[in-house]
Protein backbone atom coordinates (compact mmCIF):
# COMPACT_ATOMS: atom_id res chain seq x y z
CA MET A 1 88.54 87.27 73.28
CA LYS A 2 88.34 87.77 70.09
CA LYS A 3 89.50 90.88 69.82
CA LEU A 4 92.58 89.37 72.28
CA LEU A 5 93.00 86.87 69.55
CA ARG A 6 92.97 89.10 67.26
CA ASN A 7 95.77 91.10 68.77
CA ILE A 8 97.76 88.47 69.08
CA ILE A 9 97.65 86.59 65.29
CA ASN A 10 96.88 88.22 62.18
CA PHE A 11 98.58 88.51 59.02
CA PRO A 12 101.41 90.76 59.15
CA SER A 13 102.37 88.63 62.19
CA LEU A 14 101.94 85.39 60.12
CA ILE A 15 103.85 86.87 57.89
CA GLY A 16 106.42 87.60 60.79
CA ILE A 17 106.58 83.49 62.43
CA ILE A 18 106.68 81.83 58.71
CA ILE A 19 109.97 83.91 57.21
CA GLY A 20 111.42 83.39 61.02
CA ALA A 21 110.75 79.92 61.04
CA PHE A 22 112.79 79.73 57.41
CA GLY A 23 115.12 81.91 58.83
CA GLY A 24 115.56 80.30 62.00
CA TYR A 25 116.20 76.67 60.31
CA PHE A 26 118.55 78.48 57.79
CA TYR A 27 120.86 79.92 59.95
CA TYR A 28 121.37 76.50 61.85
CA ALA A 29 121.71 75.27 58.52
CA PHE A 30 124.08 77.40 57.18
CA VAL A 31 125.91 79.34 60.03
CA GLY A 32 124.70 77.26 63.62
CA CYS A 33 127.18 75.89 66.00
CA LYS A 34 128.81 72.58 64.41
CA SER A 35 130.81 71.64 68.25
CA GLY A 36 127.65 71.62 71.18
CA SER A 37 128.80 74.66 72.96
CA CYS A 38 125.88 77.27 71.67
CA PRO A 39 122.93 76.49 73.12
CA ILE A 40 120.99 78.05 70.55
CA THR A 41 122.37 77.71 67.43
CA SER A 42 123.05 73.75 68.89
CA SER A 43 119.96 72.26 67.85
CA PRO A 44 117.04 73.02 64.85
CA TRP A 45 114.36 73.41 67.22
CA ALA A 46 115.79 76.32 69.41
CA SER A 47 117.12 78.08 65.80
CA LEU A 48 113.21 77.12 64.42
CA ALA A 49 112.22 78.40 68.23
CA TRP A 50 114.11 81.89 68.12
CA GLY A 51 113.04 82.32 64.89
CA LEU A 52 109.53 82.48 65.04
CA ILE A 53 109.36 84.94 68.26
CA LEU A 54 111.62 87.47 66.58
CA GLY A 55 109.59 86.91 63.11
CA TRP A 56 106.19 87.14 65.70
CA LEU A 57 107.52 90.73 67.06
CA VAL A 58 108.68 92.15 63.79
CA GLY A 59 105.10 91.12 61.57
CA ASN A 60 103.44 92.67 64.85
CA MET A 61 104.95 96.51 64.47
CA PHE A 62 103.37 96.66 61.00
CA TYR A 63 99.79 95.58 62.82
CA LYS A 64 97.36 98.43 63.44
CA ASP A 65 94.79 98.08 65.30
CA LYS A 66 91.25 99.34 64.30
CA ASP A 67 89.61 100.28 67.14
């Protein structure tokens, strides 16, 4: 179980999550959909969640397993 958590949450992933969260929120704040018809960019929470997910995926690409 500890190995599974280490593979899911690691330092590059945490950095990616933080950068992705800021990126998602800033995308909502500066580019977001003002009419409300865009399901992802009309809500700050949805933009933040997508930023978190994409940040985790990109950050996880740089993690090398030590096995």
